[in-house]
PDB file of all heavy atoms in Angstrom:
ATOM      1  N   PHE A   1      -8.987  -1.779  10.486  1.00  0.00           N
ATOM      2  CA  PHE A   1      -9.774  -0.679   9.833  1.00  0.00           C
ATOM      3  C   PHE A   1      -8.838   0.563   9.661  1.00  0.00           C
ATOM      4  O   PHE A   1      -8.789   1.209   8.558  1.00  0.00           O
ATOM      5  CB  PHE A   1     -10.987  -0.278  10.562  1.00  0.00           C
ATOM      6  CG  PHE A   1     -11.728   0.867  10.002  1.00  0.00           C
ATOM      7  CD1 PHE A   1     -12.555   0.617   8.873  1.00  0.00           C
ATOM      8  CD2 PHE A   1     -11.691   2.110  10.453  1.00  0.00           C
ATOM      9  CE1 PHE A   1     -13.218   1.680   8.264  1.00  0.00           C
ATOM     10  CE2 PHE A   1     -12.365   3.162   9.922  1.00  0.00           C
ATOM     11  CZ  PHE A   1     -13.201   2.974   8.799  1.00  0.00           C
ATOM     12  N   TYR A   2      -8.079   0.937  10.631  1.00  0.00           N
ATOM     13  CA  TYR A   2      -7.330   2.137  10.614  1.00  0.00           C
ATOM     14  C   TYR A   2      -5.913   2.007  10.041  1.00  0.00           C
ATOM     15  O   TYR A   2      -5.324   3.039   9.488  1.00  0.00           O
ATOM     16  CB  TYR A   2      -7.189   2.759  12.014  1.00  0.00           C
ATOM     17  CG  TYR A   2      -8.496   3.407  12.469  1.00  0.00           C
ATOM     18  CD1 TYR A   2      -9.351   2.783  13.337  1.00  0.00           C
ATOM     19  CD2 TYR A   2      -8.948   4.633  11.971  1.00  0.00           C
ATOM     20  CE1 TYR A   2     -10.479   3.425  13.813  1.00  0.00           C
ATOM     21  CE2 TYR A   2     -10.051   5.271  12.413  1.00  0.00           C
ATOM     22  CZ  TYR A   2     -10.821   4.679  13.332  1.00  0.00           C
ATOM     23  OH  TYR A   2     -11.987   5.251  13.697  1.00  0.00           O
ATOM     24  N   PHE A   3      -5.356   0.918  10.098  1.00  0.00           N
ATOM     25  CA  PHE A   3      -3.863   0.789   9.831  1.00  0.00           C
ATOM     26  C   PHE A   3      -3.552  -0.190   8.723  1.00  0.00           C
ATOM     27  O   PHE A   3      -2.389  -0.138   8.227  1.00  0.00           O
ATOM     28  CB  PHE A   3      -3.060   0.441  11.033  1.00  0.00           C
ATOM     29  CG  PHE A   3      -3.228   1.443  12.128  1.00  0.00           C
ATOM     30  CD1 PHE A   3      -3.963   1.233  13.355  1.00  0.00           C
ATOM     31  CD2 PHE A   3      -2.616   2.714  11.978  1.00  0.00           C
ATOM     32  CE1 PHE A   3      -4.092   2.204  14.302  1.00  0.00           C
ATOM     33  CE2 PHE A   3      -2.766   3.714  12.943  1.00  0.00           C
ATOM     34  CZ  PHE A   3      -3.524   3.432  14.084  1.00  0.00           C
ATOM     35  N   LEU A   4      -4.290  -1.146   8.394  1.00  0.00           N
ATOM     36  CA  LEU A   4      -3.964  -2.162   7.467  1.00  0.00           C
ATOM     37  C   LEU A   4      -4.287  -1.742   6.049  1.00  0.00           C
ATOM     38  O   LEU A   4      -5.459  -1.484   5.637  1.00  0.00           O
ATOM     39  CB  LEU A   4      -4.682  -3.595   7.710  1.00  0.00           C
ATOM     40  CG  LEU A   4      -4.299  -4.711   6.841  1.00  0.00           C
ATOM     41  CD1 LEU A   4      -2.861  -5.140   7.062  1.00  0.00           C
ATOM     42  CD2 LEU A   4      -5.270  -5.875   7.065  1.00  0.00           C
ATOM     43  N   PRO A   5      -3.317  -1.728   5.177  1.00  0.00           N
ATOM     44  CA  PRO A   5      -3.532  -1.210   3.858  1.00  0.00           C
ATOM     45  C   PRO A   5      -4.004  -2.429   2.928  1.00  0.00           C
ATOM     46  O   PRO A   5      -3.742  -3.525   3.306  1.00  0.00           O
ATOM     47  CB  PRO A   5      -2.131  -0.725   3.301  1.00  0.00           C
ATOM     48  CG  PRO A   5      -1.138  -1.414   4.094  1.00  0.00           C
ATOM     49  CD  PRO A   5      -1.766  -1.750   5.489  1.00  0.00           C
ATOM     50  N   GLU A   6      -4.681  -2.075   1.767  1.00  0.00           N
ATOM     51  CA  GLU A   6      -5.086  -3.097   0.918  1.00  0.00           C
ATOM     52  C   GLU A   6      -4.101  -3.350  -0.174  1.00  0.00           C
ATOM     53  O   GLU A   6      -3.724  -2.505  -0.966  1.00  0.00           O
ATOM     54  CB  GLU A   6      -6.360  -2.721   0.327  1.00  0.00           C
ATOM     55  CG  GLU A   6      -6.962  -3.731  -0.769  1.00  0.00           C
ATOM     56  CD  GLU A   6      -7.240  -4.970  -0.051  1.00  0.00           C
ATOM     57  OE1 GLU A   6      -8.116  -5.022   0.941  1.00  0.00           O
ATOM     58  OE2 GLU A   6      -6.667  -6.059  -0.423  1.00  0.00           O
ATOM     59  N   MET A   7      -3.531  -4.611  -0.299  1.00  0.00           N
ATOM     60  CA  MET A   7      -2.496  -4.871  -1.251  1.00  0.00           C
ATOM     61  C   MET A   7      -2.780  -6.057  -2.199  1.00  0.00           C
ATOM     62  O   MET A   7      -1.885  -6.463  -2.879  1.00  0.00           O
ATOM     63  CB  MET A   7      -1.141  -5.140  -0.537  1.00  0.00           C
ATOM     64  CG  MET A   7      -0.534  -3.994   0.282  1.00  0.00           C
ATOM     65  SD  MET A   7       0.856  -4.337   1.392  1.00  0.00           S
ATOM     66  CE  MET A   7       0.016  -5.142   2.727  1.00  0.00           C
ATOM     67  N   LYS A   8      -3.992  -6.485  -2.091  1.00  0.00           N
ATOM     68  CA  LYS A   8      -4.367  -7.580  -2.906  1.00  0.00           C
ATOM     69  C   LYS A   8      -4.199  -7.288  -4.440  1.00  0.00           C
ATOM     70  O   LYS A   8      -4.553  -6.212  -5.000  1.00  0.00           O
ATOM     71  CB  LYS A   8      -5.726  -7.969  -2.737  1.00  0.00           C
ATOM     72  CG  LYS A   8      -6.241  -9.191  -3.599  1.00  0.00           C
ATOM     73  CD  LYS A   8      -7.722  -9.436  -3.517  1.00  0.00           C
ATOM     74  CE  LYS A   8      -8.157 -10.610  -4.417  1.00  0.00           C
ATOM     75  NZ  LYS A   8      -7.890 -10.294  -5.814  1.00  0.00           N
ATOM     76  N   GLY A   9      -3.551  -8.241  -5.260  1.00  0.00           N
ATOM     77  CA  GLY A   9      -3.359  -8.016  -6.659  1.00  0.00           C
ATOM     78  C   GLY A   9      -2.255  -7.033  -7.028  1.00  0.00           C
ATOM     79  O   GLY A   9      -2.101  -6.758  -8.261  1.00  0.00           O
ATOM     80  N   ARG A  10      -1.522  -6.562  -6.121  1.00  0.00           N
ATOM     81  CA  ARG A  10      -0.528  -5.502  -6.438  1.00  0.00           C
ATOM     82  C   ARG A  10       0.851  -6.263  -6.653  1.00  0.00           C
ATOM     83  O   ARG A  10       1.309  -7.019  -5.749  1.00  0.00           O
ATOM     84  CB  ARG A  10      -0.268  -4.557  -5.247  1.00  0.00           C
ATOM     85  CG  ARG A  10      -1.646  -3.746  -5.081  1.00  0.00           C
ATOM     86  CD  ARG A  10      -1.906  -2.729  -6.136  1.00  0.00           C
ATOM     87  NE  ARG A  10      -2.898  -1.785  -5.695  1.00  0.00           N
ATOM     88  CZ  ARG A  10      -3.309  -0.703  -6.376  1.00  0.00           C
ATOM     89  NH1 ARG A  10      -2.718  -0.480  -7.564  1.00  0.00           N
ATOM     90  NH2 ARG A  10      -4.215   0.107  -5.982  1.00  0.00           N
ATOM     91  N   PRO A  11       1.617  -5.920  -7.641  1.00  0.00           N
ATOM     92  CA  PRO A  11       2.966  -6.408  -7.759  1.00  0.00           C
ATOM     93  C   PRO A  11       3.909  -5.778  -6.804  1.00  0.00           C
ATOM     94  O   PRO A  11       3.527  -4.650  -6.320  1.00  0.00           O
ATOM     95  CB  PRO A  11       3.420  -5.990  -9.281  1.00  0.00           C
ATOM     96  CG  PRO A  11       2.394  -5.065  -9.727  1.00  0.00           C
ATOM     97  CD  PRO A  11       1.140  -5.200  -8.826  1.00  0.00           C
ATOM     98  N   ALA A  12       4.997  -6.427  -6.622  1.00  0.00           N
ATOM     99  CA  ALA A  12       5.966  -5.817  -5.558  1.00  0.00           C
ATOM    100  C   ALA A  12       6.346  -4.440  -5.830  1.00  0.00           C
ATOM    101  O   ALA A  12       6.586  -3.647  -4.836  1.00  0.00           O
ATOM    102  CB  ALA A  12       7.155  -6.790  -5.474  1.00  0.00           C
ATOM    103  N   MET A  13       6.612  -4.049  -7.087  1.00  0.00           N
ATOM    104  CA  MET A  13       7.070  -2.733  -7.350  1.00  0.00           C
ATOM    105  C   MET A  13       6.012  -1.694  -7.087  1.00  0.00           C
ATOM    106  O   MET A  13       6.255  -0.580  -6.474  1.00  0.00           O
ATOM    107  CB  MET A  13       7.423  -2.566  -8.836  1.00  0.00           C
ATOM    108  CG  MET A  13       8.055  -1.217  -9.162  1.00  0.00           C
ATOM    109  SD  MET A  13       8.874  -1.135 -10.822  1.00  0.00           S
ATOM    110  CE  MET A  13      10.177  -2.343 -10.454  1.00  0.00           C
ATOM    111  N   ASP A  14       4.744  -2.028  -7.310  1.00  0.00           N
ATOM    112  CA  ASP A  14       3.597  -1.089  -6.979  1.00  0.00           C
ATOM    113  C   ASP A  14       3.446  -0.920  -5.477  1.00  0.00           C
ATOM    114  O   ASP A  14       3.296   0.228  -4.989  1.00  0.00           O
ATOM    115  CB  ASP A  14       2.275  -1.660  -7.516  1.00  0.00           C
ATOM    116  CG  ASP A  14       2.111  -1.365  -8.978  1.00  0.00           C
ATOM    117  OD1 ASP A  14       3.062  -0.857  -9.663  1.00  0.00           O
ATOM    118  OD2 ASP A  14       1.098  -1.760  -9.542  1.00  0.00           O
ATOM    119  N   VAL A  15       3.607  -1.952  -4.732  1.00  0.00           N
ATOM    120  CA  VAL A  15       3.663  -1.855  -3.339  1.00  0.00           C
ATOM    121  C   VAL A  15       4.778  -0.972  -2.778  1.00  0.00           C
ATOM    122  O   VAL A  15       4.582  -0.196  -1.875  1.00  0.00           O
ATOM    123  CB  VAL A  15       3.715  -3.329  -2.627  1.00  0.00           C
ATOM    124  CG1 VAL A  15       3.806  -3.226  -1.089  1.00  0.00           C
ATOM    125  CG2 VAL A  15       2.409  -4.146  -2.976  1.00  0.00           C
ATOM    126  N   ASP A  16       6.023  -1.076  -3.332  1.00  0.00           N
ATOM    127  CA  ASP A  16       7.030  -0.310  -2.996  1.00  0.00           C
ATOM    128  C   ASP A  16       6.635   1.144  -3.182  1.00  0.00           C
ATOM    129  O   ASP A  16       6.927   2.045  -2.325  1.00  0.00           O
ATOM    130  CB  ASP A  16       8.261  -0.569  -3.918  1.00  0.00           C
ATOM    131  CG  ASP A  16       8.935  -1.862  -3.483  1.00  0.00           C
ATOM    132  OD1 ASP A  16       8.618  -2.463  -2.421  1.00  0.00           O
ATOM    133  OD2 ASP A  16       9.729  -2.322  -4.316  1.00  0.00           O
ATOM    134  N   MET A  17       6.022   1.424  -4.287  1.00  0.00           N
ATOM    135  CA  MET A  17       5.743   2.821  -4.721  1.00  0.00           C
ATOM    136  C   MET A  17       4.650   3.413  -3.700  1.00  0.00           C
ATOM    137  O   MET A  17       4.797   4.546  -3.230  1.00  0.00           O
ATOM    138  CB  MET A  17       5.274   2.957  -6.105  1.00  0.00           C
ATOM    139  CG  MET A  17       6.307   2.648  -7.170  1.00  0.00           C
ATOM    140  SD  MET A  17       5.604   2.471  -8.866  1.00  0.00           S
ATOM    141  CE  MET A  17       5.161   4.179  -9.151  1.00  0.00           C
ATOM    142  N   MET A  18       3.736   2.615  -3.333  1.00  0.00           N
ATOM    143  CA  MET A  18       2.692   3.083  -2.381  1.00  0.00           C
ATOM    144  C   MET A  18       3.179   3.416  -1.017  1.00  0.00           C
ATOM    145  O   MET A  18       2.853   4.409  -0.406  1.00  0.00           O
ATOM    146  CB  MET A  18       1.502   2.074  -2.265  1.00  0.00           C
ATOM    147  CG  MET A  18       0.687   2.002  -3.621  1.00  0.00           C
ATOM    148  SD  MET A  18      -0.719   0.981  -3.408  1.00  0.00           S
ATOM    149  CE  MET A  18      -0.106  -0.691  -3.491  1.00  0.00           C
ATOM    150  N   PHE A  19       4.112   2.561  -0.586  1.00  0.00           N
ATOM    151  CA  PHE A  19       4.689   2.819   0.794  1.00  0.00           C
ATOM    152  C   PHE A  19       5.561   4.020   0.776  1.00  0.00           C
ATOM    153  O   PHE A  19       5.677   4.772   1.609  1.00  0.00           O
ATOM    154  CB  PHE A  19       5.518   1.604   1.308  1.00  0.00           C
ATOM    155  CG  PHE A  19       4.489   0.569   1.946  1.00  0.00           C
ATOM    156  CD1 PHE A  19       4.222  -0.596   1.363  1.00  0.00           C
ATOM    157  CD2 PHE A  19       3.970   0.858   3.182  1.00  0.00           C
ATOM    158  CE1 PHE A  19       3.323  -1.567   1.983  1.00  0.00           C
ATOM    159  CE2 PHE A  19       3.119  -0.014   3.937  1.00  0.00           C
ATOM    160  CZ  PHE A  19       2.757  -1.265   3.184  1.00  0.00           C
ATOM    161  N   ASP A  20       6.416   4.125  -0.421  1.00  0.00           N
ATOM    162  CA  ASP A  20       7.262   5.238  -0.554  1.00  0.00           C
ATOM    163  C   ASP A  20       6.523   6.571  -0.643  1.00  0.00           C
ATOM    164  O   ASP A  20       6.989   7.617  -0.178  1.00  0.00           O
ATOM    165  CB  ASP A  20       8.164   5.020  -1.776  1.00  0.00           C
ATOM    166  CG  ASP A  20       9.209   4.062  -1.609  1.00  0.00           C
ATOM    167  OD1 ASP A  20       9.578   3.680  -0.442  1.00  0.00           O
ATOM    168  OD2 ASP A  20       9.823   3.567  -2.526  1.00  0.00           O
ATOM    169  N   ALA A  21       5.268   6.529  -1.067  1.00  0.00           N
ATOM    170  CA  ALA A  21       4.461   7.686  -1.233  1.00  0.00           C
ATOM    171  C   ALA A  21       3.776   8.073   0.103  1.00  0.00           C
ATOM    172  O   ALA A  21       3.085   9.058   0.321  1.00  0.00           O
ATOM    173  CB  ALA A  21       3.348   7.463  -2.250  1.00  0.00           C
ATOM    174  N   LYS A  22       3.920   7.198   1.194  1.00  0.00           N
ATOM    175  CA  LYS A  22       3.421   7.410   2.470  1.00  0.00           C
ATOM    176  C   LYS A  22       1.908   7.500   2.517  1.00  0.00           C
ATOM    177  O   LYS A  22       1.305   8.337   3.171  1.00  0.00           O
ATOM    178  CB  LYS A  22       4.009   8.495   3.214  1.00  0.00           C
ATOM    179  CG  LYS A  22       5.627   8.428   3.444  1.00  0.00           C
ATOM    180  CD  LYS A  22       6.135   9.478   4.092  1.00  0.00           C
ATOM    181  CE  LYS A  22       7.644   9.340   4.536  1.00  0.00           C
ATOM    182  NZ  LYS A  22       8.559   8.909   3.453  1.00  0.00           N
ATOM    183  N   LEU A  23       1.222   6.636   1.687  1.00  0.00           N
ATOM    184  CA  LEU A  23      -0.286   6.720   1.569  1.00  0.00           C
ATOM    185  C   LEU A  23      -0.781   6.274   2.951  1.00  0.00           C
ATOM    186  O   LEU A  23      -0.410   5.366   3.532  1.00  0.00           O
ATOM    187  CB  LEU A  23      -0.732   5.803   0.511  1.00  0.00           C
ATOM    188  CG  LEU A  23      -0.379   6.231  -0.937  1.00  0.00           C
ATOM    189  CD1 LEU A  23      -0.865   5.134  -1.932  1.00  0.00           C
ATOM    190  CD2 LEU A  23      -0.954   7.548  -1.300  1.00  0.00           C
ATOM    191  N   PRO A  24      -1.957   6.908   3.323  1.00  0.00           N
ATOM    192  CA  PRO A  24      -2.660   6.396   4.482  1.00  0.00           C
ATOM    193  C   PRO A  24      -3.224   4.990   4.089  1.00  0.00           C
ATOM    194  O   PRO A  24      -3.534   4.719   2.985  1.00  0.00           O
ATOM    195  CB  PRO A  24      -3.895   7.413   4.686  1.00  0.00           C
ATOM    196  CG  PRO A  24      -3.383   8.610   3.994  1.00  0.00           C
ATOM    197  CD  PRO A  24      -2.471   8.271   2.893  1.00  0.00           C
ATOM    198  N   ALA A  25      -3.521   4.091   5.075  1.00  0.00           N
ATOM    199  CA  ALA A  25      -3.891   2.798   4.777  1.00  0.00           C
ATOM    200  C   ALA A  25      -5.165   2.707   3.918  1.00  0.00           C
ATOM    201  O   ALA A  25      -5.226   1.803   2.936  1.00  0.00           O
ATOM    202  CB  ALA A  25      -4.129   1.986   6.121  1.00  0.00           C
ATOM    203  N   ARG A  26      -6.054   3.569   4.175  1.00  0.00           N
ATOM    204  CA  ARG A  26      -7.425   3.432   3.511  1.00  0.00           C
ATOM    205  C   ARG A  26      -7.322   4.039   2.004  1.00  0.00           C
ATOM    206  O   ARG A  26      -8.303   3.891   1.301  1.00  0.00           O
ATOM    207  CB  ARG A  26      -8.452   4.110   4.271  1.00  0.00           C
ATOM    208  CG  ARG A  26      -8.963   3.329   5.521  1.00  0.00           C
ATOM    209  CD  ARG A  26      -9.900   4.167   6.284  1.00  0.00           C
ATOM    210  NE  ARG A  26      -9.117   5.172   7.102  1.00  0.00           N
ATOM    211  CZ  ARG A  26      -9.746   6.193   7.793  1.00  0.00           C
ATOM    212  NH1 ARG A  26     -11.046   6.187   7.909  1.00  0.00           N
ATOM    213  NH2 ARG A  26      -8.991   6.992   8.591  1.00  0.00           N
TER     214      ARG A  26
END
């Protein structure tokens, strides 16, 4: 609940961008 991000359906580049933006998991 607190730490696992939702990545279903995301291409690799979008996942890179979300982690680089340091988004909270939720």
